[in-house]
Amino acid sequence: MGPTLREGDWLRVEPLCGKRAPQPGDVVVTRRGPYLVTHRLIEIREELAVTRGDACRATDPPLPLDSLLGRVVEVRRERPSVRWRRRTRRLLERLWREK
């Protein structure tokens, strides 16, 4: 979902049951096999939801509407990603060794 969501972001997800129906443009959470996937809802047609990641060109295969688990209602970007910290640490270690 980059650039909207980044590794290390904290997401608050609101369950869809009993809440307002999901609308195109909402960022939703679905289950695809063993994984939870967060993608934007593109359209709803005939009780099927079509989603796509913001950085993807192609849409995902349509899913039944009841397979949408929740809607992202808040994103917190409080911590840098783990990758960034590892890269920074490695760079600093190299610079330290070169001295």
Foldseek 3Di string as FASTA:
>chain_A
DPPVDDAPKDWDWDFPVPHDQDDQQWFFWFDDPPDIDTFGFHDADPQWTWTDHPPDDDIDPTDGSVRTGTTTDDIDDDDDHPVVVVVVVVVVVVVVVVD
